[in-house]
Amino acid sequence: MQRYPMTPDGKRKLEERLKHLKSVDRPQNIASIEEARNHGDLSENAEYDA
């Protein structure tokens, strides 16, 4: 595996992205999956896109 040096600014951007994924994207995905589950079996549900 090749390694790349990271600048303080690059680290900050990655940390911001992780925070956004945890606080915004993940809750939205959880809500979408919950809605799909409420419609029935996920394997036959058009609302659920894995």
PDB file of N, CA and C in Angstrom:
ATOM      1  N   MET A   1       0.837  -1.166   0.000  1.00  0.00           N
ATOM      2  CA  MET A   1       0.000   0.000   0.000  1.00  0.00           C
ATOM      3  C   MET A   1       0.891   1.241   0.000  1.00  0.00           C
ATOM      4  N   GLN A   2       0.580   2.152  -0.898  1.00  0.00           N
ATOM      5  CA  GLN A   2       1.371   3.364  -1.003  1.00  0.00           C
ATOM      6  C   GLN A   2       0.863   4.394   0.011  1.00  0.00           C
ATOM      7  N   ARG A   3       1.774   5.139   0.606  1.00  0.00           N
ATOM      8  CA  ARG A   3       1.409   6.151   1.596  1.00  0.00           C
ATOM      9  C   ARG A   3       1.659   7.536   1.018  1.00  0.00           C
ATOM     10  N   TYR A   4       0.813   8.468   1.427  1.00  0.00           N
ATOM     11  CA  TYR A   4       0.945   9.841   0.978  1.00  0.00           C
ATOM     12  C   TYR A   4       1.032  10.755   2.198  1.00  0.00           C
ATOM     13  N   PRO A   5       1.879  11.769   2.152  1.00  0.00           N
ATOM     14  CA  PRO A   5       1.962  12.689   3.282  1.00  0.00           C
ATOM     15  C   PRO A   5       0.665  13.501   3.403  1.00  0.00           C
ATOM     16  N   MET A   6       0.330  13.870   4.629  1.00  0.00           N
ATOM     17  CA  MET A   6      -0.888  14.628   4.851  1.00  0.00           C
ATOM     18  C   MET A   6      -0.544  15.977   5.476  1.00  0.00           C
ATOM     19  N   THR A   7      -1.118  17.012   4.930  1.00  0.00           N
ATOM     20  CA  THR A   7      -0.924  18.345   5.487  1.00  0.00           C
ATOM     21  C   THR A   7      -1.949  18.574   6.592  1.00  0.00           C
ATOM     22  N   PRO A   8      -1.710  19.539   7.448  1.00  0.00           N
ATOM     23  CA  PRO A   8      -2.714  19.866   8.472  1.00  0.00           C
ATOM     24  C   PRO A   8      -4.060  20.245   7.853  1.00  0.00           C
ATOM     25  N   ASP A   9      -4.032  20.950   6.722  1.00  0.00           N
ATOM     26  CA  ASP A   9      -5.279  21.322   6.048  1.00  0.00           C
ATOM     27  C   ASP A   9      -5.991  20.090   5.498  1.00  0.00           C
ATOM     28  N   GLY A  10      -5.226  19.153   4.952  1.00  0.00           N
ATOM     29  CA  GLY A  10      -5.823  17.917   4.455  1.00  0.00           C
ATOM     30  C   GLY A  10      -6.460  17.113   5.568  1.00  0.00           C
ATOM     31  N   LYS A  11      -5.812  17.071   6.714  1.00  0.00           N
ATOM     32  CA  LYS A  11      -6.364  16.369   7.878  1.00  0.00           C
ATOM     33  C   LYS A  11      -7.662  17.027   8.324  1.00  0.00           C
ATOM     34  N   ARG A  12      -7.668  18.355   8.372  1.00  0.00           N
ATOM     35  CA  ARG A  12      -8.864  19.091   8.781  1.00  0.00           C
ATOM     36  C   ARG A  12     -10.031  18.805   7.838  1.00  0.00           C
ATOM     37  N   LYS A  13      -9.761  18.783   6.535  1.00  0.00           N
ATOM     38  CA  LYS A  13     -10.816  18.505   5.555  1.00  0.00           C
ATOM     39  C   LYS A  13     -11.373  17.093   5.722  1.00  0.00           C
ATOM     40  N   LEU A  14     -10.490  16.129   5.966  1.00  0.00           N
ATOM     41  CA  LEU A  14     -10.946  14.755   6.187  1.00  0.00           C
ATOM     42  C   LEU A  14     -11.792  14.652   7.452  1.00  0.00           C
ATOM     43  N   GLU A  15     -11.383  15.353   8.501  1.00  0.00           N
ATOM     44  CA  GLU A  15     -12.152  15.337   9.745  1.00  0.00           C
ATOM     45  C   GLU A  15     -13.522  15.981   9.556  1.00  0.00           C
ATOM     46  N   GLU A  16     -13.586  17.072   8.778  1.00  0.00           N
ATOM     47  CA  GLU A  16     -14.869  17.715   8.483  1.00  0.00           C
ATOM     48  C   GLU A  16     -15.769  16.774   7.687  1.00  0.00           C
ATOM     49  N   ARG A  17     -15.187  16.085   6.727  1.00  0.00           N
ATOM     50  CA  ARG A  17     -15.964  15.138   5.904  1.00  0.00           C
ATOM     51  C   ARG A  17     -16.511  14.004   6.764  1.00  0.00           C
ATOM     52  N   LEU A  18     -15.683  13.477   7.658  1.00  0.00           N
ATOM     53  CA  LEU A  18     -16.126  12.409   8.550  1.00  0.00           C
ATOM     54  C   LEU A  18     -17.257  12.896   9.451  1.00  0.00           C
ATOM     55  N   LYS A  19     -17.123  14.101   9.986  1.00  0.00           N
ATOM     56  CA  LYS A  19     -18.172  14.669  10.840  1.00  0.00           C
ATOM     57  C   LYS A  19     -19.479  14.791  10.056  1.00  0.00           C
ATOM     58  N   HIS A  20     -19.398  15.246   8.807  1.00  0.00           N
ATOM     59  CA  HIS A  20     -20.587  15.376   7.962  1.00  0.00           C
ATOM     60  C   HIS A  20     -21.212  14.012   7.687  1.00  0.00           C
ATOM     61  N   LEU A  21     -20.383  13.029   7.394  1.00  0.00           N
ATOM     62  CA  LEU A  21     -20.899  11.681   7.137  1.00  0.00           C
ATOM     63  C   LEU A  21     -21.640  11.138   8.351  1.00  0.00           C
ATOM     64  N   LYS A  22     -21.079  11.358   9.537  1.00  0.00           N
ATOM     65  CA  LYS A  22     -21.689  10.844  10.763  1.00  0.00           C
ATOM     66  C   LYS A  22     -22.934  11.618  11.164  1.00  0.00           C
ATOM     67  N   SER A  23     -22.924  12.939  10.988  1.00  0.00           N
ATOM     68  CA  SER A  23     -24.018  13.756  11.503  1.00  0.00           C
ATOM     69  C   SER A  23     -25.127  14.026  10.494  1.00  0.00           C
ATOM     70  N   VAL A  24     -24.841  13.922   9.200  1.00  0.00           N
ATOM     71  CA  VAL A  24     -25.851  14.237   8.182  1.00  0.00           C
ATOM     72  C   VAL A  24     -26.182  13.014   7.324  1.00  0.00           C
ATOM     73  N   ASP A  25     -25.189  12.480   6.633  1.00  0.00           N
ATOM     74  CA  ASP A  25     -25.444  11.391   5.686  1.00  0.00           C
ATOM     75  C   ASP A  25     -25.942  10.120   6.362  1.00  0.00           C
ATOM     76  N   ARG A  26     -25.302   9.728   7.446  1.00  0.00           N
ATOM     77  CA  ARG A  26     -25.695   8.483   8.121  1.00  0.00           C
ATOM     78  C   ARG A  26     -27.134   8.545   8.635  1.00  0.00           C
ATOM     79  N   PRO A  27     -27.529   9.610   9.346  1.00  0.00           N
ATOM     80  CA  PRO A  27     -28.925   9.672   9.789  1.00  0.00           C
ATOM     81  C   PRO A  27     -29.926   9.659   8.628  1.00  0.00           C
ATOM     82  N   GLN A  28     -29.586  10.307   7.517  1.00  0.00           N
ATOM     83  CA  GLN A  28     -30.472  10.286   6.351  1.00  0.00           C
ATOM     84  C   GLN A  28     -30.595   8.873   5.794  1.00  0.00           C
ATOM     85  N   ASN A  29     -29.479   8.154   5.719  1.00  0.00           N
ATOM     86  CA  ASN A  29     -29.515   6.778   5.219  1.00  0.00           C
ATOM     87  C   ASN A  29     -30.312   5.877   6.145  1.00  0.00           C
ATOM     88  N   ILE A  30     -30.141   6.063   7.446  1.00  0.00           N
ATOM     89  CA  ILE A  30     -30.899   5.268   8.412  1.00  0.00           C
ATOM     90  C   ILE A  30     -32.389   5.519   8.237  1.00  0.00           C
ATOM     91  N   ALA A  31     -32.776   6.784   8.069  1.00  0.00           N
ATOM     92  CA  ALA A  31     -34.189   7.121   7.881  1.00  0.00           C
ATOM     93  C   ALA A  31     -34.728   6.512   6.592  1.00  0.00           C
ATOM     94  N   SER A  32     -33.948   6.531   5.530  1.00  0.00           N
ATOM     95  CA  SER A  32     -34.384   5.951   4.254  1.00  0.00           C
ATOM     96  C   SER A  32     -34.586   4.446   4.373  1.00  0.00           C
ATOM     97  N   ILE A  33     -33.678   3.770   5.045  1.00  0.00           N
ATOM     98  CA  ILE A  33     -33.800   2.318   5.225  1.00  0.00           C
ATOM     99  C   ILE A  33     -34.993   2.002   6.113  1.00  0.00           C
ATOM    100  N   GLU A  34     -35.199   2.813   7.151  1.00  0.00           N
ATOM    101  CA  GLU A  34     -36.351   2.595   8.032  1.00  0.00           C
ATOM    102  C   GLU A  34     -37.660   2.751   7.257  1.00  0.00           C
ATOM    103  N   GLU A  35     -37.722   3.750   6.387  1.00  0.00           N
ATOM    104  CA  GLU A  35     -38.920   3.946   5.569  1.00  0.00           C
ATOM    105  C   GLU A  35     -39.137   2.754   4.642  1.00  0.00           C
ATOM    106  N   ALA A  36     -38.071   2.263   4.039  1.00  0.00           N
ATOM    107  CA  ALA A  36     -38.186   1.103   3.156  1.00  0.00           C
ATOM    108  C   ALA A  36     -38.656  -0.119   3.936  1.00  0.00           C
ATOM    109  N   ARG A  37     -38.153  -0.292   5.149  1.00  0.00           N
ATOM    110  CA  ARG A  37     -38.583  -1.424   5.983  1.00  0.00           C
ATOM    111  C   ARG A  37     -40.068  -1.332   6.305  1.00  0.00           C
ATOM    112  N   ASN A  38     -40.549  -0.117   6.507  1.00  0.00           N
ATOM    113  CA  ASN A  38     -41.966   0.068   6.806  1.00  0.00           C
ATOM    114  C   ASN A  38     -42.858  -0.328   5.631  1.00  0.00           C
ATOM    115  N   HIS A  39     -42.285  -0.380   4.440  1.00  0.00           N
ATOM    116  CA  HIS A  39     -43.035  -0.782   3.250  1.00  0.00           C
ATOM    117  C   HIS A  39     -43.028  -2.293   3.049  1.00  0.00           C
ATOM    118  N   GLY A  40     -42.266  -3.014   3.867  1.00  0.00           N
ATOM    119  CA  GLY A  40     -42.245  -4.474   3.755  1.00  0.00           C
ATOM    120  C   GLY A  40     -40.846  -5.029   3.596  1.00  0.00           C
ATOM    121  N   ASP A  41     -40.765  -6.179   2.975  1.00  0.00           N
ATOM    122  CA  ASP A  41     -39.512  -6.904   2.776  1.00  0.00           C
ATOM    123  C   ASP A  41     -38.550  -6.082   1.920  1.00  0.00           C
ATOM    124  N   LEU A  42     -37.342  -5.853   2.417  1.00  0.00           N
ATOM    125  CA  LEU A  42     -36.370  -5.032   1.695  1.00  0.00           C
ATOM    126  C   LEU A  42     -35.934  -5.658   0.374  1.00  0.00           C
ATOM    127  N   SER A  43     -35.931  -6.975   0.289  1.00  0.00           N
ATOM    128  CA  SER A  43     -35.456  -7.623  -0.936  1.00  0.00           C
ATOM    129  C   SER A  43     -36.393  -7.388  -2.112  1.00  0.00           C
ATOM    130  N   GLU A  44     -37.627  -7.028  -1.832  1.00  0.00           N
ATOM    131  CA  GLU A  44     -38.594  -6.796  -2.906  1.00  0.00           C
ATOM    132  C   GLU A  44     -39.105  -5.364  -2.892  1.00  0.00           C
ATOM    133  N   ASN A  45     -38.320  -4.446  -2.338  1.00  0.00           N
ATOM    134  CA  ASN A  45     -38.789  -3.093  -2.146  1.00  0.00           C
ATOM    135  C   ASN A  45     -38.008  -2.128  -3.030  1.00  0.00           C
ATOM    136  N   ALA A  46     -38.710  -1.393  -3.880  1.00  0.00           N
ATOM    137  CA  ALA A  46     -38.064  -0.453  -4.790  1.00  0.00           C
ATOM    138  C   ALA A  46     -37.449   0.734  -4.050  1.00  0.00           C
ATOM    139  N   GLU A  47     -37.992   1.097  -2.878  1.00  0.00           N
ATOM    140  CA  GLU A  47     -37.457   2.230  -2.128  1.00  0.00           C
ATOM    141  C   GLU A  47     -36.086   1.926  -1.535  1.00  0.00           C
ATOM    142  N   TYR A  48     -35.766   0.666  -1.360  1.00  0.00           N
ATOM    143  CA  TYR A  48     -34.492   0.273  -0.766  1.00  0.00           C
ATOM    144  C   TYR A  48     -33.491   0.038  -1.875  1.00  0.00           C
ATOM    145  N   ASP A  49     -32.454   0.842  -1.907  1.00  0.00           N
ATOM    146  CA  ASP A  49     -31.413   0.699  -2.929  1.00  0.00           C
ATOM    147  C   ASP A  49     -30.091   0.468  -2.222  1.00  0.00           C
ATOM    148  N   ALA A  50     -29.659  -0.788  -2.136  1.00  0.00           N
ATOM    149  CA  ALA A  50     -28.441  -1.124  -1.385  1.00  0.00           C
ATOM    150  C   ALA A  50     -27.199  -0.674  -2.094  1.00  0.00           C
TER     151      ALA A  50
END
